[in-house]
Amino acid sequence: MTIQETNEKWNRLTQKIASEFGNEKPDVKSLLFLIGVQELGKGPRRFSKRQKEELMHIANCRLFSELGFYELEGLDQDGWPHWKSVKKIPNYTVFEQELLIKQLIIHYFEEQGFI
């Protein structure tokens, strides 16, 4: 996916989410949180600050598993997914990181049938 295609799809995705959930277009962190909640499968509820950070970690692991960097180990006794690193993520530039995470988020929402 080119940079232009990524930006166009990103804008469509964030517009659609903004229209479904409120007026503000979500940022990367907000979308990671949404993906984490989706992957947890516990529905909307209040989460502590630590749990929110863990949800974003779950989202990152889920997204980067598509590229073979993480593998799902299983669920703990509370139903939270645990991932293991299977290969080191390369040192990307900030621009490359942002582009890659946006592409992975777009792919995730396409897989879910949202876009």
PDB file of N, CA and C in Angstrom:
ATOM      1  N   MET A   1       0.857  -1.167   0.000  1.00  0.00           N
ATOM      2  CA  MET A   1       0.000   0.000   0.000  1.00  0.00           C
ATOM      3  C   MET A   1       0.911   1.242   0.000  1.00  0.00           C
ATOM      4  N   THR A   2       0.637   2.153  -0.906  1.00  0.00           N
ATOM      5  CA  THR A   2       1.449   3.367  -0.995  1.00  0.00           C
ATOM      6  C   THR A   2       1.104   4.312   0.159  1.00  0.00           C
ATOM      7  N   ILE A   3       1.942   5.313   0.332  1.00  0.00           N
ATOM      8  CA  ILE A   3       1.685   6.317   1.380  1.00  0.00           C
ATOM      9  C   ILE A   3       0.364   7.028   1.102  1.00  0.00           C
ATOM     10  N   GLN A   4       0.129   7.373  -0.146  1.00  0.00           N
ATOM     11  CA  GLN A   4      -1.119   8.062  -0.498  1.00  0.00           C
ATOM     12  C   GLN A   4      -2.334   7.176  -0.231  1.00  0.00           C
ATOM     13  N   GLU A   5      -2.262   5.896  -0.615  1.00  0.00           N
ATOM     14  CA  GLU A   5      -3.368   4.967  -0.356  1.00  0.00           C
ATOM     15  C   GLU A   5      -3.602   4.807   1.147  1.00  0.00           C
ATOM     16  N   THR A   6      -2.507   4.710   1.892  1.00  0.00           N
ATOM     17  CA  THR A   6      -2.625   4.590   3.345  1.00  0.00           C
ATOM     18  C   THR A   6      -3.325   5.806   3.920  1.00  0.00           C
ATOM     19  N   ASN A   7      -2.909   6.993   3.511  1.00  0.00           N
ATOM     20  CA  ASN A   7      -3.521   8.222   4.032  1.00  0.00           C
ATOM     21  C   ASN A   7      -4.993   8.325   3.657  1.00  0.00           C
ATOM     22  N   GLU A   8      -5.341   7.931   2.435  1.00  0.00           N
ATOM     23  CA  GLU A   8      -6.745   7.980   2.005  1.00  0.00           C
ATOM     24  C   GLU A   8      -7.595   7.000   2.808  1.00  0.00           C
ATOM     25  N   LYS A   9      -7.105   5.771   2.960  1.00  0.00           N
ATOM     26  CA  LYS A   9      -7.850   4.768   3.733  1.00  0.00           C
ATOM     27  C   LYS A   9      -7.930   5.165   5.202  1.00  0.00           C
ATOM     28  N   TRP A  10      -6.840   5.728   5.743  1.00  0.00           N
ATOM     29  CA  TRP A  10      -6.816   6.174   7.139  1.00  0.00           C
ATOM     30  C   TRP A  10      -7.888   7.240   7.356  1.00  0.00           C
ATOM     31  N   ASN A  11      -7.959   8.194   6.435  1.00  0.00           N
ATOM     32  CA  ASN A  11      -8.964   9.258   6.568  1.00  0.00           C
ATOM     33  C   ASN A  11     -10.378   8.701   6.496  1.00  0.00           C
ATOM     34  N   ARG A  12     -10.619   7.743   5.593  1.00  0.00           N
ATOM     35  CA  ARG A  12     -11.950   7.119   5.504  1.00  0.00           C
ATOM     36  C   ARG A  12     -12.286   6.368   6.791  1.00  0.00           C
ATOM     37  N   LEU A  13     -11.304   5.622   7.303  1.00  0.00           N
ATOM     38  CA  LEU A  13     -11.515   4.858   8.534  1.00  0.00           C
ATOM     39  C   LEU A  13     -11.828   5.772   9.709  1.00  0.00           C
ATOM     40  N   THR A  14     -11.009   6.791   9.912  1.00  0.00           N
ATOM     41  CA  THR A  14     -11.213   7.672  11.063  1.00  0.00           C
ATOM     42  C   THR A  14     -12.511   8.476  10.930  1.00  0.00           C
ATOM     43  N   GLN A  15     -12.880   8.829   9.694  1.00  0.00           N
ATOM     44  CA  GLN A  15     -14.162   9.517   9.476  1.00  0.00           C
ATOM     45  C   GLN A  15     -15.324   8.611   9.848  1.00  0.00           C
ATOM     46  N   LYS A  16     -15.246   7.356   9.429  1.00  0.00           N
ATOM     47  CA  LYS A  16     -16.329   6.413   9.712  1.00  0.00           C
ATOM     48  C   LYS A  16     -16.451   6.172  11.212  1.00  0.00           C
ATOM     49  N   ILE A  17     -15.334   5.999  11.892  1.00  0.00           N
ATOM     50  CA  ILE A  17     -15.375   5.786  13.335  1.00  0.00           C
ATOM     51  C   ILE A  17     -15.903   7.025  14.041  1.00  0.00           C
ATOM     52  N   ALA A  18     -15.477   8.195  13.587  1.00  0.00           N
ATOM     53  CA  ALA A  18     -15.968   9.445  14.184  1.00  0.00           C
ATOM     54  C   ALA A  18     -17.483   9.550  14.016  1.00  0.00           C
ATOM     55  N   SER A  19     -17.998   9.175  12.862  1.00  0.00           N
ATOM     56  CA  SER A  19     -19.447   9.282  12.636  1.00  0.00           C
ATOM     57  C   SER A  19     -20.220   8.242  13.443  1.00  0.00           C
ATOM     58  N   GLU A  20     -19.592   7.099  13.748  1.00  0.00           N
ATOM     59  CA  GLU A  20     -20.257   6.050  14.514  1.00  0.00           C
ATOM     60  C   GLU A  20     -20.196   6.285  16.028  1.00  0.00           C
ATOM     61  N   PHE A  21     -19.069   6.859  16.503  1.00  0.00           N
ATOM     62  CA  PHE A  21     -18.832   6.948  17.942  1.00  0.00           C
ATOM     63  C   PHE A  21     -18.784   8.364  18.486  1.00  0.00           C
ATOM     64  N   GLY A  22     -18.913   9.355  17.675  1.00  0.00           N
ATOM     65  CA  GLY A  22     -18.825  10.730  18.156  1.00  0.00           C
ATOM     66  C   GLY A  22     -18.271  11.617  17.061  1.00  0.00           C
ATOM     67  N   ASN A  23     -18.007  12.848  17.404  1.00  0.00           N
ATOM     68  CA  ASN A  23     -17.596  13.821  16.395  1.00  0.00           C
ATOM     69  C   ASN A  23     -16.097  13.863  16.141  1.00  0.00           C
ATOM     70  N   GLU A  24     -15.295  13.451  17.111  1.00  0.00           N
ATOM     71  CA  GLU A  24     -13.847  13.566  16.967  1.00  0.00           C
ATOM     72  C   GLU A  24     -13.265  12.395  16.208  1.00  0.00           C
ATOM     73  N   LYS A  25     -12.339  12.713  15.288  1.00  0.00           N
ATOM     74  CA  LYS A  25     -11.630  11.650  14.593  1.00  0.00           C
ATOM     75  C   LYS A  25     -10.631  11.033  15.570  1.00  0.00           C
ATOM     76  N   PRO A  26     -10.612   9.724  15.676  1.00  0.00           N
ATOM     77  CA  PRO A  26      -9.707   9.077  16.629  1.00  0.00           C
ATOM     78  C   PRO A  26      -8.257   9.116  16.144  1.00  0.00           C
ATOM     79  N   ASP A  27      -7.354   9.089  17.105  1.00  0.00           N
ATOM     80  CA  ASP A  27      -5.932   9.002  16.780  1.00  0.00           C
ATOM     81  C   ASP A  27      -5.498   7.542  16.885  1.00  0.00           C
ATOM     82  N   VAL A  28      -4.223   7.290  16.641  1.00  0.00           N
ATOM     83  CA  VAL A  28      -3.697   5.922  16.664  1.00  0.00           C
ATOM     84  C   VAL A  28      -3.933   5.272  18.023  1.00  0.00           C
ATOM     85  N   LYS A  29      -3.666   5.995  19.108  1.00  0.00           N
ATOM     86  CA  LYS A  29      -3.837   5.421  20.449  1.00  0.00           C
ATOM     87  C   LYS A  29      -5.289   5.012  20.703  1.00  0.00           C
ATOM     88  N   SER A  30      -6.218   5.839  20.271  1.00  0.00           N
ATOM     89  CA  SER A  30      -7.636   5.520  20.449  1.00  0.00           C
ATOM     90  C   SER A  30      -8.017   4.250  19.692  1.00  0.00           C
ATOM     91  N   LEU A  31      -7.495   4.123  18.485  1.00  0.00           N
ATOM     92  CA  LEU A  31      -7.806   2.936  17.689  1.00  0.00           C
ATOM     93  C   LEU A  31      -7.145   1.698  18.274  1.00  0.00           C
ATOM     94  N   LEU A  32      -5.937   1.835  18.815  1.00  0.00           N
ATOM     95  CA  LEU A  32      -5.296   0.706  19.481  1.00  0.00           C
ATOM     96  C   LEU A  32      -6.131   0.265  20.681  1.00  0.00           C
ATOM     97  N   PHE A  33      -6.655   1.224  21.430  1.00  0.00           N
ATOM     98  CA  PHE A  33      -7.513   0.904  22.565  1.00  0.00           C
ATOM     99  C   PHE A  33      -8.758   0.141  22.094  1.00  0.00           C
ATOM    100  N   LEU A  34      -9.404   0.615  21.029  1.00  0.00           N
ATOM    101  CA  LEU A  34     -10.589  -0.060  20.495  1.00  0.00           C
ATOM    102  C   LEU A  34     -10.276  -1.488  20.050  1.00  0.00           C
ATOM    103  N   ILE A  35      -9.144  -1.662  19.391  1.00  0.00           N
ATOM    104  CA  ILE A  35      -8.748  -2.997  18.947  1.00  0.00           C
ATOM    105  C   ILE A  35      -8.488  -3.887  20.159  1.00  0.00           C
ATOM    106  N   GLY A  36      -7.830  -3.341  21.180  1.00  0.00           N
ATOM    107  CA  GLY A  36      -7.575  -4.111  22.400  1.00  0.00           C
ATOM    108  C   GLY A  36      -8.857  -4.573  23.063  1.00  0.00           C
ATOM    109  N   VAL A  37      -9.835  -3.680  23.151  1.00  0.00           N
ATOM    110  CA  VAL A  37     -11.136  -4.039  23.739  1.00  0.00           C
ATOM    111  C   VAL A  37     -11.804  -5.120  22.895  1.00  0.00           C
ATOM    112  N   GLN A  38     -11.741  -4.963  21.574  1.00  0.00           N
ATOM    113  CA  GLN A  38     -12.320  -5.958  20.663  1.00  0.00           C
ATOM    114  C   GLN A  38     -11.657  -7.320  20.860  1.00  0.00           C
ATOM    115  N   GLU A  39     -10.333  -7.325  20.954  1.00  0.00           N
ATOM    116  CA  GLU A  39      -9.601  -8.585  21.106  1.00  0.00           C
ATOM    117  C   GLU A  39      -9.840  -9.218  22.481  1.00  0.00           C
ATOM    118  N   LEU A  40     -10.039  -8.383  23.495  1.00  0.00           N
ATOM    119  CA  LEU A  40     -10.340  -8.900  24.827  1.00  0.00           C
ATOM    120  C   LEU A  40     -11.711  -9.569  24.837  1.00  0.00           C
ATOM    121  N   GLY A  41     -12.658  -8.949  24.106  1.00  0.00           N
ATOM    122  CA  GLY A  41     -13.979  -9.532  23.976  1.00  0.00           C
ATOM    123  C   GLY A  41     -14.853  -9.404  25.204  1.00  0.00           C
ATOM    124  N   LYS A  42     -14.570  -8.438  26.049  1.00  0.00           N
ATOM    125  CA  LYS A  42     -15.335  -8.278  27.292  1.00  0.00           C
ATOM    126  C   LYS A  42     -16.365  -7.158  27.207  1.00  0.00           C
ATOM    127  N   GLY A  43     -16.539  -6.571  26.030  1.00  0.00           N
ATOM    128  CA  GLY A  43     -17.531  -5.523  25.877  1.00  0.00           C
ATOM    129  C   GLY A  43     -17.134  -4.225  26.551  1.00  0.00           C
ATOM    130  N   PRO A  44     -17.916  -3.196  26.331  1.00  0.00           N
ATOM    131  CA  PRO A  44     -17.580  -1.904  26.924  1.00  0.00           C
ATOM    132  C   PRO A  44     -17.731  -1.931  28.444  1.00  0.00           C
ATOM    133  N   ARG A  45     -16.722  -1.453  29.114  1.00  0.00           N
ATOM    134  CA  ARG A  45     -16.743  -1.311  30.570  1.00  0.00           C
ATOM    135  C   ARG A  45     -15.631  -0.357  30.945  1.00  0.00           C
ATOM    136  N   ARG A  46     -15.539  -0.034  32.196  1.00  0.00           N
ATOM    137  CA  ARG A  46     -14.474   0.854  32.674  1.00  0.00           C
ATOM    138  C   ARG A  46     -13.202   0.050  32.886  1.00  0.00           C
ATOM    139  N   PHE A  47     -12.091   0.626  32.453  1.00  0.00           N
ATOM    140  CA  PHE A  47     -10.796   0.006  32.636  1.00  0.00           C
ATOM    141  C   PHE A  47      -9.888   0.952  33.408  1.00  0.00           C
ATOM    142  N   SER A  48      -9.032   0.392  34.232  1.00  0.00           N
ATOM    143  CA  SER A  48      -8.049   1.204  34.944  1.00  0.00           C
ATOM    144  C   SER A  48      -7.005   1.694  33.945  1.00  0.00           C
ATOM    145  N   LYS A  49      -6.187   2.637  34.372  1.00  0.00           N
ATOM    146  CA  LYS A  49      -5.129   3.153  33.501  1.00  0.00           C
ATOM    147  C   LYS A  49      -4.205   2.007  33.079  1.00  0.00           C
ATOM    148  N   ARG A  50      -3.859   1.146  33.999  1.00  0.00           N
ATOM    149  CA  ARG A  50      -2.985   0.007  33.690  1.00  0.00           C
ATOM    150  C   ARG A  50      -3.649  -0.935  32.688  1.00  0.00           C
ATOM    151  N   GLN A  51      -4.937  -1.192  32.873  1.00  0.00           N
ATOM    152  CA  GLN A  51      -5.654  -2.064  31.946  1.00  0.00           C
ATOM    153  C   GLN A  51      -5.721  -1.452  30.547  1.00  0.00           C
ATOM    154  N   LYS A  52      -5.878  -0.130  30.474  1.00  0.00           N
ATOM    155  CA  LYS A  52      -5.895   0.555  29.177  1.00  0.00           C
ATOM    156  C   LYS A  52      -4.558   0.378  28.468  1.00  0.00           C
ATOM    157  N   GLU A  53      -3.469   0.491  29.220  1.00  0.00           N
ATOM    158  CA  GLU A  53      -2.135   0.280  28.641  1.00  0.00           C
ATOM    159  C   GLU A  53      -1.993  -1.161  28.169  1.00  0.00           C
ATOM    160  N   GLU A  54      -2.500  -2.099  28.948  1.00  0.00           N
ATOM    161  CA  GLU A  54      -2.441  -3.512  28.568  1.00  0.00           C
ATOM    162  C   GLU A  54      -3.287  -3.781  27.318  1.00  0.00           C
ATOM    163  N   LEU A  55      -4.429  -3.112  27.206  1.00  0.00           N
ATOM    164  CA  LEU A  55      -5.274  -3.265  26.023  1.00  0.00           C
ATOM    165  C   LEU A  55      -4.555  -2.774  24.769  1.00  0.00           C
ATOM    166  N   MET A  56      -3.844  -1.669  24.886  1.00  0.00           N
ATOM    167  CA  MET A  56      -3.093  -1.167  23.740  1.00  0.00           C
ATOM    168  C   MET A  56      -1.935  -2.110  23.400  1.00  0.00           C
ATOM    169  N   HIS A  57      -1.348  -2.739  24.410  1.00  0.00           N
ATOM    170  CA  HIS A  57      -0.297  -3.734  24.166  1.00  0.00           C
ATOM    171  C   HIS A  57      -0.885  -4.947  23.445  1.00  0.00           C
ATOM    172  N   ILE A  58      -2.051  -5.389  23.875  1.00  0.00           N
ATOM    173  CA  ILE A  58      -2.737  -6.495  23.210  1.00  0.00           C
ATOM    174  C   ILE A  58      -2.966  -6.151  21.740  1.00  0.00           C
ATOM    175  N   ALA A  59      -3.418  -4.929  21.487  1.00  0.00           N
ATOM    176  CA  ALA A  59      -3.672  -4.491  20.112  1.00  0.00           C
ATOM    177  C   ALA A  59      -2.389  -4.513  19.290  1.00  0.00           C
ATOM    178  N   ASN A  60      -1.316  -3.984  19.846  1.00  0.00           N
ATOM    179  CA  ASN A  60      -0.041  -3.982  19.127  1.00  0.00           C
ATOM    180  C   ASN A  60       0.410  -5.399  18.811  1.00  0.00           C
ATOM    181  N   CYS A  61       0.311  -6.281  19.776  1.00  0.00           N
ATOM    182  CA  CYS A  61       0.710  -7.676  19.553  1.00  0.00           C
ATOM    183  C   CYS A  61      -0.159  -8.309  18.481  1.00  0.00           C
ATOM    184  N   ARG A  62      -1.461  -8.075  18.563  1.00  0.00           N
ATOM    185  CA  ARG A  62      -2.386  -8.638  17.564  1.00  0.00           C
ATOM    186  C   ARG A  62      -2.036  -8.132  16.168  1.00  0.00           C
ATOM    187  N   LEU A  63      -1.796  -6.829  16.052  1.00  0.00           N
ATOM    188  CA  LEU A  63      -1.485  -6.254  14.744  1.00  0.00           C
ATOM    189  C   LEU A  63      -0.166  -6.784  14.203  1.00  0.00           C
ATOM    190  N   PHE A  64       0.866  -6.791  15.057  1.00  0.00           N
ATOM    191  CA  PHE A  64       2.184  -7.224  14.600  1.00  0.00           C
ATOM    192  C   PHE A  64       2.275  -8.744  14.437  1.00  0.00           C
ATOM    193  N   SER A  65       1.280  -9.470  14.937  1.00  0.00           N
ATOM    194  CA  SER A  65       1.247 -10.910  14.687  1.00  0.00           C
ATOM    195  C   SER A  65       0.989 -11.171  13.199  1.00  0.00           C
ATOM    196  N   GLU A  66       0.344 -10.239  12.542  1.00  0.00           N
ATOM    197  CA  GLU A  66       0.092 -10.363  11.104  1.00  0.00           C
ATOM    198  C   GLU A  66       1.399 -10.418  10.316  1.00  0.00           C
ATOM    199  N   LEU A  67       2.453  -9.836  10.880  1.00  0.00           N
ATOM    200  CA  LEU A  67       3.760  -9.812  10.219  1.00  0.00           C
ATOM    201  C   LEU A  67       4.709 -10.858  10.798  1.00  0.00           C
ATOM    202  N   GLY A  68       4.180 -11.690  11.710  1.00  0.00           N
ATOM    203  CA  GLY A  68       4.973 -12.770  12.267  1.00  0.00           C
ATOM    204  C   GLY A  68       5.861 -12.392  13.438  1.00  0.00           C
ATOM    205  N   PHE A  69       5.631 -11.231  14.043  1.00  0.00           N
ATOM    206  CA  PHE A  69       6.461 -10.798  15.167  1.00  0.00           C
ATOM    207  C   PHE A  69       5.976 -11.334  16.508  1.00  0.00           C
ATOM    208  N   TYR A  70       4.681 -11.619  16.616  1.00  0.00           N
ATOM    209  CA  TYR A  70       4.100 -12.140  17.855  1.00  0.00           C
ATOM    210  C   TYR A  70       3.239 -13.346  17.546  1.00  0.00           C
ATOM    211  N   GLU A  71       3.062 -14.166  18.572  1.00  0.00           N
ATOM    212  CA  GLU A  71       2.219 -15.348  18.470  1.00  0.00           C
ATOM    213  C   GLU A  71       1.371 -15.423  19.737  1.00  0.00           C
ATOM    214  N   LEU A  72       0.094 -15.717  19.576  1.00  0.00           N
ATOM    215  CA  LEU A  72      -0.798 -15.829  20.727  1.00  0.00           C
ATOM    216  C   LEU A  72      -0.442 -17.076  21.524  1.00  0.00           C
ATOM    217  N   GLU A  73      -0.156 -16.889  22.816  1.00  0.00           N
ATOM    218  CA  GLU A  73       0.145 -18.018  23.707  1.00  0.00           C
ATOM    219  C   GLU A  73      -1.128 -18.631  24.266  1.00  0.00           C
ATOM    220  N   GLY A  74      -2.101 -17.777  24.527  1.00  0.00           N
ATOM    221  CA  GLY A  74      -3.352 -18.245  25.109  1.00  0.00           C
ATOM    222  C   GLY A  74      -3.946 -17.177  25.998  1.00  0.00           C
ATOM    223  N   LEU A  75      -4.944 -17.566  26.763  1.00  0.00           N
ATOM    224  CA  LEU A  75      -5.641 -16.644  27.655  1.00  0.00           C
ATOM    225  C   LEU A  75      -5.290 -16.973  29.096  1.00  0.00           C
ATOM    226  N   ASP A  76      -5.228 -15.936  29.932  1.00  0.00           N
ATOM    227  CA  ASP A  76      -4.999 -16.188  31.354  1.00  0.00           C
ATOM    228  C   ASP A  76      -6.334 -16.522  32.022  1.00  0.00           C
ATOM    229  N   GLN A  77      -6.311 -16.715  33.345  1.00  0.00           N
ATOM    230  CA  GLN A  77      -7.516 -17.117  34.075  1.00  0.00           C
ATOM    231  C   GLN A  77      -8.627 -16.081  34.015  1.00  0.00           C
ATOM    232  N   ASP A  78      -8.271 -14.818  33.703  1.00  0.00           N
ATOM    233  CA  ASP A  78      -9.281 -13.765  33.595  1.00  0.00           C
ATOM    234  C   ASP A  78      -9.736 -13.537  32.153  1.00  0.00           C
ATOM    235  N   GLY A  79      -9.213 -14.335  31.232  1.00  0.00           N
ATOM    236  CA  GLY A  79      -9.608 -14.222  29.840  1.00  0.00           C
ATOM    237  C   GLY A  79      -8.818 -13.210  29.026  1.00  0.00           C
ATOM    238  N   TRP A  80      -7.718 -12.713  29.581  1.00  0.00           N
ATOM    239  CA  TRP A  80      -6.888 -11.758  28.866  1.00  0.00           C
ATOM    240  C   TRP A  80      -5.888 -12.513  27.991  1.00  0.00           C
ATOM    241  N   PRO A  81      -5.778 -12.118  26.705  1.00  0.00           N
ATOM    242  CA  PRO A  81      -4.832 -12.801  25.821  1.00  0.00           C
ATOM    243  C   PRO A  81      -3.384 -12.461  26.175  1.00  0.00           C
ATOM    244  N   HIS A  82      -2.519 -13.450  26.008  1.00  0.00           N
ATOM    245  CA  HIS A  82      -1.083 -13.262  26.229  1.00  0.00           C
ATOM    246  C   HIS A  82      -0.345 -13.664  24.961  1.00  0.00           C
ATOM    247  N   TRP A  83       0.577 -12.812  24.558  1.00  0.00           N
ATOM    248  CA  TRP A  83       1.326 -12.988  23.327  1.00  0.00           C
ATOM    249  C   TRP A  83       2.794 -13.194  23.654  1.00  0.00           C
ATOM    250  N   LYS A  84       3.483 -13.920  22.787  1.00  0.00           N
ATOM    251  CA  LYS A  84       4.933 -14.038  22.946  1.00  0.00           C
ATOM    252  C   LYS A  84       5.603 -13.504  21.689  1.00  0.00           C
ATOM    253  N   SER A  85       6.734 -12.874  21.903  1.00  0.00           N
ATOM    254  CA  SER A  85       7.526 -12.354  20.795  1.00  0.00           C
ATOM    255  C   SER A  85       8.234 -13.526  20.123  1.00  0.00           C
ATOM    256  N   VAL A  86       8.104 -13.626  18.798  1.00  0.00           N
ATOM    257  CA  VAL A  86       8.755 -14.722  18.085  1.00  0.00           C
ATOM    258  C   VAL A  86       9.901 -14.244  17.204  1.00  0.00           C
ATOM    259  N   LYS A  87       9.915 -12.949  16.906  1.00  0.00           N
ATOM    260  CA  LYS A  87      11.072 -12.365  16.238  1.00  0.00           C
ATOM    261  C   LYS A  87      11.108 -10.874  16.527  1.00  0.00           C
ATOM    262  N   LYS A  88      12.311 -10.326  16.487  1.00  0.00           N
ATOM    263  CA  LYS A  88      12.531  -8.927  16.845  1.00  0.00           C
ATOM    264  C   LYS A  88      11.975  -7.996  15.768  1.00  0.00           C
ATOM    265  N   ILE A  89      11.283  -6.966  16.213  1.00  0.00           N
ATOM    266  CA  ILE A  89      10.782  -5.944  15.295  1.00  0.00           C
ATOM    267  C   ILE A  89      11.954  -5.047  14.912  1.00  0.00           C
ATOM    268  N   PRO A  90      12.149  -4.801  13.621  1.00  0.00           N
ATOM    269  CA  PRO A  90      13.266  -3.939  13.197  1.00  0.00           C
ATOM    270  C   PRO A  90      13.145  -2.528  13.765  1.00  0.00           C
ATOM    271  N   ASN A  91      14.252  -1.835  13.808  1.00  0.00           N
ATOM    272  CA  ASN A  91      14.265  -0.436  14.246  1.00  0.00           C
ATOM    273  C   ASN A  91      13.799   0.443  13.095  1.00  0.00           C
ATOM    274  N   TYR A  92      12.527   0.785  13.117  1.00  0.00           N
ATOM    275  CA  TYR A  92      11.960   1.652  12.098  1.00  0.00           C
ATOM    276  C   TYR A  92      12.137   3.109  12.501  1.00  0.00           C
ATOM    277  N   THR A  93      12.151   4.005  11.519  1.00  0.00           N
ATOM    278  CA  THR A  93      12.128   5.426  11.811  1.00  0.00           C
ATOM    279  C   THR A  93      10.737   5.756  12.350  1.00  0.00           C
ATOM    280  N   VAL A  94      10.586   6.915  12.949  1.00  0.00           N
ATOM    281  CA  VAL A  94       9.279   7.333  13.471  1.00  0.00           C
ATOM    282  C   VAL A  94       8.257   7.359  12.337  1.00  0.00           C
ATOM    283  N   PHE A  95       8.648   7.879  11.191  1.00  0.00           N
ATOM    284  CA  PHE A  95       7.740   7.928  10.036  1.00  0.00           C
ATOM    285  C   PHE A  95       7.338   6.514   9.605  1.00  0.00           C
ATOM    286  N   GLU A  96       8.312   5.608   9.506  1.00  0.00           N
ATOM    287  CA  GLU A  96       8.027   4.222   9.119  1.00  0.00           C
ATOM    288  C   GLU A  96       7.119   3.538  10.134  1.00  0.00           C
ATOM    289  N   GLN A  97       7.356   3.796  11.430  1.00  0.00           N
ATOM    290  CA  GLN A  97       6.524   3.207  12.484  1.00  0.00           C
ATOM    291  C   GLN A  97       5.077   3.656  12.336  1.00  0.00           C
ATOM    292  N   GLU A  98       4.893   4.960  12.158  1.00  0.00           N
ATOM    293  CA  GLU A  98       3.545   5.506  12.057  1.00  0.00           C
ATOM    294  C   GLU A  98       2.829   4.962  10.823  1.00  0.00           C
ATOM    295  N   LEU A  99       3.527   4.913   9.703  1.00  0.00           N
ATOM    296  CA  LEU A  99       2.936   4.398   8.479  1.00  0.00           C
ATOM    297  C   LEU A  99       2.563   2.924   8.634  1.00  0.00           C
ATOM    298  N   LEU A 100       3.465   2.136   9.191  1.00  0.00           N
ATOM    299  CA  LEU A 100       3.213   0.708   9.364  1.00  0.00           C
ATOM    300  C   LEU A 100       2.042   0.456  10.304  1.00  0.00           C
ATOM    301  N   ILE A 101       1.993   1.146  11.424  1.00  0.00           N
ATOM    302  CA  ILE A 101       0.902   0.907  12.375  1.00  0.00           C
ATOM    303  C   ILE A 101      -0.438   1.323  11.765  1.00  0.00           C
ATOM    304  N   LYS A 102      -0.444   2.403  10.998  1.00  0.00           N
ATOM    305  CA  LYS A 102      -1.685   2.801  10.324  1.00  0.00           C
ATOM    306  C   LYS A 102      -2.116   1.735   9.322  1.00  0.00           C
ATOM    307  N   GLN A 103      -1.163   1.189   8.564  1.00  0.00           N
ATOM    308  CA  GLN A 103      -1.494   0.141   7.602  1.00  0.00           C
ATOM    309  C   GLN A 103      -2.036  -1.095   8.307  1.00  0.00           C
ATOM    310  N   LEU A 104      -1.435  -1.452   9.426  1.00  0.00           N
ATOM    311  CA  LEU A 104      -1.904  -2.617  10.178  1.00  0.00           C
ATOM    312  C   LEU A 104      -3.294  -2.378  10.770  1.00  0.00           C
ATOM    313  N   ILE A 105      -3.558  -1.175  11.257  1.00  0.00           N
ATOM    314  CA  ILE A 105      -4.881  -0.834  11.789  1.00  0.00           C
ATOM    315  C   ILE A 105      -5.921  -0.894  10.672  1.00  0.00           C
ATOM    316  N   ILE A 106      -5.588  -0.329   9.528  1.00  0.00           N
ATOM    317  CA  ILE A 106      -6.504  -0.371   8.376  1.00  0.00           C
ATOM    318  C   ILE A 106      -6.809  -1.818   8.013  1.00  0.00           C
ATOM    319  N   HIS A 107      -5.778  -2.634   7.919  1.00  0.00           N
ATOM    320  CA  HIS A 107      -5.957  -4.050   7.581  1.00  0.00           C
ATOM    321  C   HIS A 107      -6.855  -4.747   8.616  1.00  0.00           C
ATOM    322  N   TYR A 108      -6.642  -4.452   9.888  1.00  0.00           N
ATOM    323  CA  TYR A 108      -7.462  -5.047  10.952  1.00  0.00           C
ATOM    324  C   TYR A 108      -8.942  -4.722  10.739  1.00  0.00           C
ATOM    325  N   PHE A 109      -9.249  -3.438  10.515  1.00  0.00           N
ATOM    326  CA  PHE A 109     -10.651  -3.049  10.350  1.00  0.00           C
ATOM    327  C   PHE A 109     -11.231  -3.569   9.041  1.00  0.00           C
ATOM    328  N   GLU A 110     -10.395  -3.761   8.017  1.00  0.00           N
ATOM    329  CA  GLU A 110     -10.868  -4.394   6.785  1.00  0.00           C
ATOM    330  C   GLU A 110     -11.210  -5.855   7.061  1.00  0.00           C
ATOM    331  N   GLU A 111     -10.343  -6.565   7.803  1.00  0.00           N
ATOM    332  CA  GLU A 111     -10.608  -7.960   8.152  1.00  0.00           C
ATOM    333  C   GLU A 111     -11.900  -8.106   8.955  1.00  0.00           C
ATOM    334  N   GLN A 112     -12.182  -7.133   9.802  1.00  0.00           N
ATOM    335  CA  GLN A 112     -13.377  -7.181  10.641  1.00  0.00           C
ATOM    336  C   GLN A 112     -14.648  -6.794   9.862  1.00  0.00           C
ATOM    337  N   GLY A 113     -14.460  -6.366   8.613  1.00  0.00           N
ATOM    338  CA  GLY A 113     -15.601  -5.975   7.794  1.00  0.00           C
ATOM    339  C   GLY A 113     -16.138  -4.600   8.107  1.00  0.00           C
ATOM    340  N   PHE A 114     -15.360  -3.802   8.827  1.00  0.00           N
ATOM    341  CA  PHE A 114     -15.807  -2.461   9.200  1.00  0.00           C
ATOM    342  C   PHE A 114     -15.637  -1.487   8.036  1.00  0.00           C
ATOM    343  N   ILE A 115     -14.582  -1.707   7.263  1.00  0.00           N
ATOM    344  CA  ILE A 115     -14.360  -0.853   6.082  1.00  0.00           C
ATOM    345  C   ILE A 115     -14.109  -1.751   4.877  1.00  0.00           C
TER     346      ILE A 115
END
